Amino acid sequence: MAQTSEKRHWDRFWADDRVLDDVYANDNRIAEFLTARMDITGLRILEVGAGTGRDSDMLASLGADVWTLDYSEESLHLMSDNLKQPIEIVCGDALALPIASESFDLVFHQGLLEHFRNPDQLIAENHRILKKGGYILVDVPQRFHYYTLIKHILMFFDRWFAGWETEFSVSELKKVVADGGFEIAGFYGRNLFPPVWYRGVRKILLKTGLHLPMYPLNSAFFRAVRRGFLQAVPDSVIHSTSMVIGCLGRKP
């Protein structure tokens, strides 16, 4: 029987991470990418598979009218307890959104598409609820990264927290978005800081009572060196080697 990512995996995952101070955010990459390309003030935005909803919280603080959606009750409780901005929190299925057609300006999801064996159905639902000229932002793991190897080893032994997930190359992600009826309007690649291996070790040690800093080597000097290095690397290299990639599409 093929492995799947199911609601029980996410209820367990979010139930184990009730203390958000010990859950990594997304480095504000969603908000930074979007605000560099458009004025989000007043835009009606939906985050699908929102998890903690912290990307949405950031967008709402910048003036957007934001909704979040998830099917995990634990995720919904987590958002209800922690979001600081006035956000509409919805319980629903990403493949059958309880939302009217052509009612949002932008829909995004981070760490969601890779958990579906039928990604086209998810993208079709995103397309349905977007107004003409609206945008979709899809953020997924990039294939050529050591994260992929670690993940597949853990899935082989049925130890992966999410049950199952896949990954995408740059061309595959662009094709999924384009095949869903969108024009490609932007792309990015990001590596996580701290890296995923450190995050995994830190989480394991937390269970033993040992607390490593969430962000080691996080001085202003180190951040500046890191930014300078990334700016010197061609986008094509970053896109093909980073842990996560994001594709922005526009509905004609």
C-alpha atoms as a PDB file:
ATOM      1  CA  MET A   1       0.000   0.000   0.000  1.00  0.00           C
ATOM      2  CA  ALA A   2       1.376   3.427  -0.975  1.00  0.00           C
ATOM      3  CA  GLN A   3       2.284   5.773   1.834  1.00  0.00           C
ATOM      4  CA  THR A   4       0.172   8.891   2.233  1.00  0.00           C
ATOM      5  CA  SER A   5       0.210  12.073   4.264  1.00  0.00           C
ATOM      6  CA  GLU A   6      -2.952  12.065   6.359  1.00  0.00           C
ATOM      7  CA  LYS A   7      -4.759  14.252   8.843  1.00  0.00           C
ATOM      8  CA  ARG A   8      -3.606  12.086  11.757  1.00  0.00           C
ATOM      9  CA  HIS A   9       0.015  12.893  10.930  1.00  0.00           C
ATOM     10  CA  TRP A  10      -0.645  16.626  11.141  1.00  0.00           C
ATOM     11  CA  ASP A  11      -2.814  16.474  14.243  1.00  0.00           C
ATOM     12  CA  ARG A  12       0.025  14.637  15.979  1.00  0.00           C
ATOM     13  CA  PHE A  13       2.664  16.989  14.592  1.00  0.00           C
ATOM     14  CA  TRP A  14       0.927  20.179  15.701  1.00  0.00           C
ATOM     15  CA  ALA A  15      -0.114  18.695  19.041  1.00  0.00           C
ATOM     16  CA  ASP A  16       3.575  18.085  19.748  1.00  0.00           C
ATOM     17  CA  ASP A  17       4.518  21.669  18.878  1.00  0.00           C
ATOM     18  CA  ARG A  18       2.294  23.741  21.089  1.00  0.00           C
ATOM     19  CA  VAL A  19       5.151  26.055  22.127  1.00  0.00           C
ATOM     20  CA  LEU A  20       5.732  28.214  19.057  1.00  0.00           C
ATOM     21  CA  ASP A  21       8.968  29.591  20.464  1.00  0.00           C
ATOM     22  CA  ASP A  22      10.432  26.155  19.683  1.00  0.00           C
ATOM     23  CA  VAL A  23       8.922  25.927  16.165  1.00  0.00           C
ATOM     24  CA  TYR A  24      10.873  27.510  13.327  1.00  0.00           C
ATOM     25  CA  ALA A  25       9.178  30.152  11.228  1.00  0.00           C
ATOM     26  CA  ASN A  26       9.826  30.557   7.486  1.00  0.00           C
ATOM     27  CA  ASP A  27      12.389  33.380   7.669  1.00  0.00           C
ATOM     28  CA  ASN A  28       9.700  35.753   6.344  1.00  0.00           C
ATOM     29  CA  ARG A  29      10.546  34.586   2.812  1.00  0.00           C
ATOM     30  CA  ILE A  30       6.877  34.602   1.735  1.00  0.00           C
ATOM     31  CA  ALA A  31       6.260  38.191   2.815  1.00  0.00           C
ATOM     32  CA  GLU A  32       9.633  39.418   1.536  1.00  0.00           C
ATOM     33  CA  PHE A  33       9.136  37.875  -1.894  1.00  0.00           C
ATOM     34  CA  LEU A  34       5.564  39.131  -2.302  1.00  0.00           C
ATOM     35  CA  THR A  35       6.094  42.677  -1.017  1.00  0.00           C
ATOM     36  CA  ALA A  36       9.105  43.099  -3.324  1.00  0.00           C
ATOM     37  CA  ARG A  37       6.765  42.508  -6.288  1.00  0.00           C
ATOM     38  CA  MET A  38       3.400  43.982  -5.328  1.00  0.00           C
ATOM     39  CA  ASP A  39       1.543  46.200  -2.914  1.00  0.00           C
ATOM     40  CA  ILE A  40      -0.390  43.766  -0.729  1.00  0.00           C
ATOM     41  CA  THR A  41      -2.332  46.470   1.120  1.00  0.00           C
ATOM     42  CA  GLY A  42      -6.013  45.557   1.000  1.00  0.00           C
ATOM     43  CA  LEU A  43      -5.447  42.366  -1.007  1.00  0.00           C
ATOM     44  CA  ARG A  44      -7.647  39.412  -0.040  1.00  0.00           C
ATOM     45  CA  ILE A  45      -5.187  36.593   0.638  1.00  0.00           C
ATOM     46  CA  LEU A  46      -5.729  32.931   1.529  1.00  0.00           C
ATOM     47  CA  GLU A  47      -3.087  30.643   3.027  1.00  0.00           C
ATOM     48  CA  VAL A  48      -3.945  26.976   2.435  1.00  0.00           C
ATOM     49  CA  GLY A  49      -2.527  24.377   4.841  1.00  0.00           C
ATOM     50  CA  ALA A  50      -1.551  27.225   7.125  1.00  0.00           C
ATOM     51  CA  GLY A  51      -0.035  25.269  10.038  1.00  0.00           C
ATOM     52  CA  THR A  52       0.973  27.973  12.529  1.00  0.00           C
ATOM     53  CA  GLY A  53      -0.275  30.775  10.261  1.00  0.00           C
ATOM     54  CA  ARG A  54       2.734  32.954  10.993  1.00  0.00           C
ATOM     55  CA  ASP A  55       3.286  33.868   7.335  1.00  0.00           C
ATOM     56  CA  SER A  56      -0.318  35.035   7.237  1.00  0.00           C
ATOM     57  CA  ASP A  57       0.145  36.977  10.470  1.00  0.00           C
ATOM     58  CA  MET A  58       3.026  38.864   8.864  1.00  0.00           C
ATOM     59  CA  LEU A  59       1.017  39.638   5.708  1.00  0.00           C
ATOM     60  CA  ALA A  60      -1.936  40.830   7.780  1.00  0.00           C
ATOM     61  CA  SER A  61       0.357  43.146   9.753  1.00  0.00           C
ATOM     62  CA  LEU A  62       1.343  44.711   6.426  1.00  0.00           C
ATOM     63  CA  GLY A  63      -2.254  45.589   5.566  1.00  0.00           C
ATOM     64  CA  ALA A  64      -3.636  42.552   3.718  1.00  0.00           C
ATOM     65  CA  ASP A  65      -7.053  41.006   4.395  1.00  0.00           C
ATOM     66  CA  VAL A  66      -5.896  37.485   5.243  1.00  0.00           C
ATOM     67  CA  TRP A  67      -7.660  34.160   5.689  1.00  0.00           C
ATOM     68  CA  THR A  68      -6.038  30.896   6.774  1.00  0.00           C
ATOM     69  CA  LEU A  69      -7.273  27.355   6.125  1.00  0.00           C
ATOM     70  CA  ASP A  70      -6.259  23.984   7.535  1.00  0.00           C
ATOM     71  CA  TYR A  71      -7.979  20.647   8.198  1.00  0.00           C
ATOM     72  CA  SER A  72      -6.049  19.828  11.372  1.00  0.00           C
ATOM     73  CA  GLU A  73      -7.906  20.838  14.520  1.00  0.00           C
ATOM     74  CA  GLU A  74      -4.570  21.107  16.309  1.00  0.00           C
ATOM     75  CA  SER A  75      -3.361  23.613  13.718  1.00  0.00           C
ATOM     76  CA  LEU A  76      -6.582  25.613  14.039  1.00  0.00           C
ATOM     77  CA  HIS A  77      -6.212  25.740  17.840  1.00  0.00           C
ATOM     78  CA  LEU A  78      -2.580  26.784  17.469  1.00  0.00           C
ATOM     79  CA  MET A  79      -3.541  29.682  15.200  1.00  0.00           C
ATOM     80  CA  SER A  80      -6.454  30.720  17.384  1.00  0.00           C
ATOM     81  CA  ASP A  81      -4.177  30.868  20.410  1.00  0.00           C
ATOM     82  CA  ASN A  82      -1.212  32.627  18.824  1.00  0.00           C
ATOM     83  CA  LEU A  83      -2.071  34.826  15.839  1.00  0.00           C
ATOM     84  CA  LYS A  84      -1.800  38.509  16.687  1.00  0.00           C
ATOM     85  CA  GLN A  85      -3.619  40.025  13.693  1.00  0.00           C
ATOM     86  CA  PRO A  86      -7.353  39.835  12.887  1.00  0.00           C
ATOM     87  CA  ILE A  87      -7.372  36.793  10.575  1.00  0.00           C
ATOM     88  CA  GLU A  88     -10.298  34.633   9.460  1.00  0.00           C
ATOM     89  CA  ILE A  89      -9.443  31.031  10.392  1.00  0.00           C
ATOM     90  CA  VAL A  90     -11.251  28.356   8.358  1.00  0.00           C
ATOM     91  CA  CYS A  91     -11.440  24.572   8.757  1.00  0.00           C
ATOM     92  CA  GLY A  92     -11.505  22.958   5.335  1.00  0.00           C
ATOM     93  CA  ASP A  93     -10.145  20.520   2.761  1.00  0.00           C
ATOM     94  CA  ALA A  94      -7.504  21.938   0.402  1.00  0.00           C
ATOM     95  CA  LEU A  95      -8.925  19.811  -2.435  1.00  0.00           C
ATOM     96  CA  ALA A  96     -12.479  21.103  -1.954  1.00  0.00           C
ATOM     97  CA  LEU A  97     -12.149  24.614  -0.599  1.00  0.00           C
ATOM     98  CA  PRO A  98     -15.292  25.958   1.125  1.00  0.00           C
ATOM     99  CA  ILE A  99     -14.766  29.247  -0.700  1.00  0.00           C
ATOM    100  CA  ALA A 100     -16.563  30.947  -3.563  1.00  0.00           C
ATOM    101  CA  SER A 101     -14.979  31.043  -7.008  1.00  0.00           C
ATOM    102  CA  GLU A 102     -12.993  34.148  -8.013  1.00  0.00           C
ATOM    103  CA  SER A 103     -13.088  35.612  -4.513  1.00  0.00           C
ATOM    104  CA  PHE A 104      -9.386  36.045  -3.615  1.00  0.00           C
ATOM    105  CA  ASP A 105      -6.549  38.153  -4.990  1.00  0.00           C
ATOM    106  CA  LEU A 106      -3.773  35.810  -3.896  1.00  0.00           C
ATOM    107  CA  VAL A 107      -3.489  32.268  -2.570  1.00  0.00           C
ATOM    108  CA  PHE A 108      -0.311  30.723  -1.218  1.00  0.00           C
ATOM    109  CA  HIS A 109       0.931  27.617   0.503  1.00  0.00           C
ATOM    110  CA  GLN A 110       4.263  26.607   1.971  1.00  0.00           C
ATOM    111  CA  GLY A 111       5.125  22.962   2.617  1.00  0.00           C
ATOM    112  CA  LEU A 112       1.794  21.699   1.272  1.00  0.00           C
ATOM    113  CA  LEU A 113       1.880  20.694  -2.407  1.00  0.00           C
ATOM    114  CA  GLU A 114       4.557  18.045  -1.830  1.00  0.00           C
ATOM    115  CA  HIS A 115       2.168  16.031   0.363  1.00  0.00           C
ATOM    116  CA  PHE A 116      -0.312  15.401  -2.469  1.00  0.00           C
ATOM    117  CA  ARG A 117      -0.021  12.614  -5.017  1.00  0.00           C
ATOM    118  CA  ASN A 118      -2.482  14.607  -7.168  1.00  0.00           C
ATOM    119  CA  PRO A 119      -0.955  18.137  -7.092  1.00  0.00           C
ATOM    120  CA  ASP A 120      -2.927  19.206 -10.162  1.00  0.00           C
ATOM    121  CA  GLN A 121      -6.180  18.971  -8.178  1.00  0.00           C
ATOM    122  CA  LEU A 122      -4.830  21.301  -5.500  1.00  0.00           C
ATOM    123  CA  ILE A 123      -3.619  23.825  -8.077  1.00  0.00           C
ATOM    124  CA  ALA A 124      -7.009  23.651  -9.860  1.00  0.00           C
ATOM    125  CA  GLU A 125      -8.800  24.591  -6.623  1.00  0.00           C
ATOM    126  CA  ASN A 126      -6.393  27.483  -6.152  1.00  0.00           C
ATOM    127  CA  HIS A 127      -7.126  28.631  -9.707  1.00  0.00           C
ATOM    128  CA  ARG A 128     -10.887  28.417  -9.118  1.00  0.00           C
ATOM    129  CA  ILE A 129     -10.965  30.750  -6.109  1.00  0.00           C
ATOM    130  CA  LEU A 130      -8.666  33.378  -7.621  1.00  0.00           C
ATOM    131  CA  LYS A 131      -9.933  36.460  -9.406  1.00  0.00           C
ATOM    132  CA  LYS A 132      -8.666  37.143 -12.911  1.00  0.00           C
ATOM    133  CA  GLY A 133      -5.246  38.694 -12.553  1.00  0.00           C
ATOM    134  CA  GLY A 134      -4.842  37.041  -9.153  1.00  0.00           C
ATOM    135  CA  TYR A 135      -1.682  35.297  -7.986  1.00  0.00           C
ATOM    136  CA  ILE A 136      -0.645  31.925  -6.638  1.00  0.00           C
ATOM    137  CA  LEU A 137       2.598  31.335  -4.697  1.00  0.00           C
ATOM    138  CA  VAL A 138       3.709  27.711  -4.274  1.00  0.00           C
ATOM    139  CA  ASP A 139       6.648  26.947  -1.948  1.00  0.00           C
ATOM    140  CA  VAL A 140       8.013  23.353  -1.934  1.00  0.00           C
ATOM    141  CA  PRO A 141      11.188  21.333  -1.224  1.00  0.00           C
ATOM    142  CA  GLN A 142      13.725  21.348  -4.059  1.00  0.00           C
ATOM    143  CA  ARG A 143      14.833  17.912  -5.269  1.00  0.00           C
ATOM    144  CA  PHE A 144      18.621  18.202  -5.360  1.00  0.00           C
ATOM    145  CA  HIS A 145      19.340  18.681  -1.668  1.00  0.00           C
ATOM    146  CA  TYR A 146      20.453  16.408   1.166  1.00  0.00           C
ATOM    147  CA  TYR A 147      17.050  16.978   2.784  1.00  0.00           C
ATOM    148  CA  THR A 148      15.580  14.762   0.054  1.00  0.00           C
ATOM    149  CA  LEU A 149      17.908  11.878   0.931  1.00  0.00           C
ATOM    150  CA  ILE A 150      17.197  12.151   4.666  1.00  0.00           C
ATOM    151  CA  LYS A 151      13.472  12.314   4.027  1.00  0.00           C
ATOM    152  CA  HIS A 152      13.354   9.248   1.796  1.00  0.00           C
ATOM    153  CA  ILE A 153      15.402   7.193   4.246  1.00  0.00           C
ATOM    154  CA  LEU A 154      12.978   8.066   7.039  1.00  0.00           C
ATOM    155  CA  MET A 155       9.974   7.328   4.807  1.00  0.00           C
ATOM    156  CA  PHE A 156      11.450   3.924   3.951  1.00  0.00           C
ATOM    157  CA  PHE A 157      11.459   3.071   7.660  1.00  0.00           C
ATOM    158  CA  ASP A 158       8.027   4.706   8.168  1.00  0.00           C
ATOM    159  CA  ARG A 159       9.577   7.338  10.457  1.00  0.00           C
ATOM    160  CA  TRP A 160       8.751  10.486   8.484  1.00  0.00           C
ATOM    161  CA  PHE A 161       6.654  12.881  10.562  1.00  0.00           C
ATOM    162  CA  ALA A 162       4.264  13.651   7.686  1.00  0.00           C
ATOM    163  CA  GLY A 163       3.846  10.078   6.473  1.00  0.00           C
ATOM    164  CA  TRP A 164       4.810  10.837   2.868  1.00  0.00           C
ATOM    165  CA  GLU A 165       5.965  13.695   0.684  1.00  0.00           C
ATOM    166  CA  THR A 166       7.703  14.277  -2.604  1.00  0.00           C
ATOM    167  CA  GLU A 167       9.861  17.086  -3.958  1.00  0.00           C
ATOM    168  CA  PHE A 168      10.232  19.120  -7.144  1.00  0.00           C
ATOM    169  CA  SER A 169      12.936  20.265  -9.518  1.00  0.00           C
ATOM    170  CA  VAL A 170      12.771  23.832 -10.805  1.00  0.00           C
ATOM    171  CA  SER A 171      11.319  22.723 -14.146  1.00  0.00           C
ATOM    172  CA  GLU A 172       8.775  20.413 -12.495  1.00  0.00           C
ATOM    173  CA  LEU A 173       7.426  23.135 -10.219  1.00  0.00           C
ATOM    174  CA  LYS A 174       7.131  25.616 -13.063  1.00  0.00           C
ATOM    175  CA  LYS A 175       5.312  22.994 -15.134  1.00  0.00           C
ATOM    176  CA  VAL A 176       2.808  22.217 -12.355  1.00  0.00           C
ATOM    177  CA  VAL A 177       1.989  25.910 -12.000  1.00  0.00           C
ATOM    178  CA  ALA A 178       1.825  26.549 -15.759  1.00  0.00           C
ATOM    179  CA  ASP A 179      -0.286  23.431 -16.384  1.00  0.00           C
ATOM    180  CA  GLY A 180      -2.715  24.757 -13.783  1.00  0.00           C
ATOM    181  CA  GLY A 181      -3.498  27.706 -16.035  1.00  0.00           C
ATOM    182  CA  PHE A 182      -1.051  30.276 -14.642  1.00  0.00           C
ATOM    183  CA  GLU A 183       1.572  32.485 -16.232  1.00  0.00           C
ATOM    184  CA  ILE A 184       4.941  32.224 -14.431  1.00  0.00           C
ATOM    185  CA  ALA A 185       5.537  35.599 -12.774  1.00  0.00           C
ATOM    186  CA  GLY A 186       8.480  34.938 -10.461  1.00  0.00           C
ATOM    187  CA  PHE A 187      10.681  32.333  -8.838  1.00  0.00           C
ATOM    188  CA  TYR A 188      13.019  31.981  -5.853  1.00  0.00           C
ATOM    189  CA  GLY A 189      15.236  29.496  -4.064  1.00  0.00           C
ATOM    190  CA  ARG A 190      16.134  29.602  -0.374  1.00  0.00           C
ATOM    191  CA  ASN A 191      18.246  27.614   2.023  1.00  0.00           C
ATOM    192  CA  LEU A 192      17.082  27.506   5.616  1.00  0.00           C
ATOM    193  CA  PHE A 193      19.021  29.087   8.426  1.00  0.00           C
ATOM    194  CA  PRO A 194      19.900  27.315  10.569  1.00  0.00           C
ATOM    195  CA  PRO A 195      20.134  24.307   8.211  1.00  0.00           C
ATOM    196  CA  VAL A 196      17.718  21.412   8.467  1.00  0.00           C
ATOM    197  CA  TRP A 197      20.287  19.044  10.022  1.00  0.00           C
ATOM    198  CA  TYR A 198      20.775  21.475  12.933  1.00  0.00           C
ATOM    199  CA  ARG A 199      17.022  21.838  13.395  1.00  0.00           C
ATOM    200  CA  GLY A 200      16.623  18.069  13.556  1.00  0.00           C
ATOM    201  CA  VAL A 201      19.415  17.644  16.105  1.00  0.00           C
ATOM    202  CA  ARG A 202      18.048  20.489  18.189  1.00  0.00           C
ATOM    203  CA  LYS A 203      14.561  18.958  18.294  1.00  0.00           C
ATOM    204  CA  ILE A 204      15.928  15.584  19.364  1.00  0.00           C
ATOM    205  CA  LEU A 205      18.004  17.167  22.121  1.00  0.00           C
ATOM    206  CA  LEU A 206      15.039  19.220  23.353  1.00  0.00           C
ATOM    207  CA  LYS A 207      13.368  15.939  24.332  1.00  0.00           C
ATOM    208  CA  THR A 208      16.350  15.164  26.562  1.00  0.00           C
ATOM    209  CA  GLY A 209      16.169  18.572  28.223  1.00  0.00           C
ATOM    210  CA  LEU A 210      19.157  20.037  26.377  1.00  0.00           C
ATOM    211  CA  HIS A 211      18.381  23.388  24.748  1.00  0.00           C
ATOM    212  CA  LEU A 212      20.571  24.503  21.866  1.00  0.00           C
ATOM    213  CA  PRO A 213      20.040  28.070  20.602  1.00  0.00           C
ATOM    214  CA  MET A 214      17.460  28.294  17.834  1.00  0.00           C
ATOM    215  CA  TYR A 215      19.677  30.555  15.749  1.00  0.00           C
ATOM    216  CA  PRO A 216      23.412  29.965  16.270  1.00  0.00           C
ATOM    217  CA  LEU A 217      25.903  32.392  14.702  1.00  0.00           C
ATOM    218  CA  ASN A 218      23.108  34.919  14.367  1.00  0.00           C
ATOM    219  CA  SER A 219      25.112  38.114  14.832  1.00  0.00           C
ATOM    220  CA  ALA A 220      24.652  41.070  12.492  1.00  0.00           C
ATOM    221  CA  PHE A 221      28.121  40.360  11.065  1.00  0.00           C
ATOM    222  CA  PHE A 222      27.314  36.735  10.263  1.00  0.00           C
ATOM    223  CA  ARG A 223      23.975  37.684   8.672  1.00  0.00           C
ATOM    224  CA  ALA A 224      25.707  40.298   6.513  1.00  0.00           C
ATOM    225  CA  VAL A 225      28.333  37.777   5.353  1.00  0.00           C
ATOM    226  CA  ARG A 226      25.619  35.279   4.512  1.00  0.00           C
ATOM    227  CA  ARG A 227      23.598  37.861   2.538  1.00  0.00           C
ATOM    228  CA  GLY A 228      26.690  38.940   0.637  1.00  0.00           C
ATOM    229  CA  PHE A 229      27.538  35.378  -0.308  1.00  0.00           C
ATOM    230  CA  LEU A 230      24.011  34.656  -1.532  1.00  0.00           C
ATOM    231  CA  GLN A 231      23.914  37.841  -3.593  1.00  0.00           C
ATOM    232  CA  ALA A 232      27.108  36.768  -5.344  1.00  0.00           C
ATOM    233  CA  VAL A 233      25.728  33.373  -6.390  1.00  0.00           C
ATOM    234  CA  PRO A 234      23.733  33.262  -9.684  1.00  0.00           C
ATOM    235  CA  ASP A 235      19.983  32.687  -9.296  1.00  0.00           C
ATOM    236  CA  SER A 236      20.149  29.583 -11.479  1.00  0.00           C
ATOM    237  CA  VAL A 237      22.585  27.957  -9.036  1.00  0.00           C
ATOM    238  CA  ILE A 238      20.551  28.941  -5.982  1.00  0.00           C
ATOM    239  CA  HIS A 239      17.319  27.656  -7.542  1.00  0.00           C
ATOM    240  CA  SER A 240      18.870  24.274  -8.338  1.00  0.00           C
ATOM    241  CA  THR A 241      20.676  23.680  -5.031  1.00  0.00           C
ATOM    242  CA  SER A 242      18.585  25.346  -2.314  1.00  0.00           C
ATOM    243  CA  MET A 243      16.346  23.392   0.026  1.00  0.00           C
ATOM    244  CA  VAL A 244      13.119  25.183  -0.915  1.00  0.00           C
ATOM    245  CA  ILE A 245      11.896  26.814  -4.102  1.00  0.00           C
ATOM    246  CA  GLY A 246       8.914  29.045  -4.706  1.00  0.00           C
ATOM    247  CA  CYS A 247       7.004  29.805  -7.886  1.00  0.00           C
ATOM    248  CA  LEU A 248       4.694  32.770  -8.402  1.00  0.00           C
ATOM    249  CA  GLY A 249       1.941  32.375 -10.983  1.00  0.00           C
ATOM    250  CA  ARG A 250      -0.604  34.833 -12.353  1.00  0.00           C
ATOM    251  CA  LYS A 251      -4.125  33.909 -13.467  1.00  0.00           C
ATOM    252  CA  PRO A 252      -4.677  35.491 -16.911  1.00  0.00           C
END
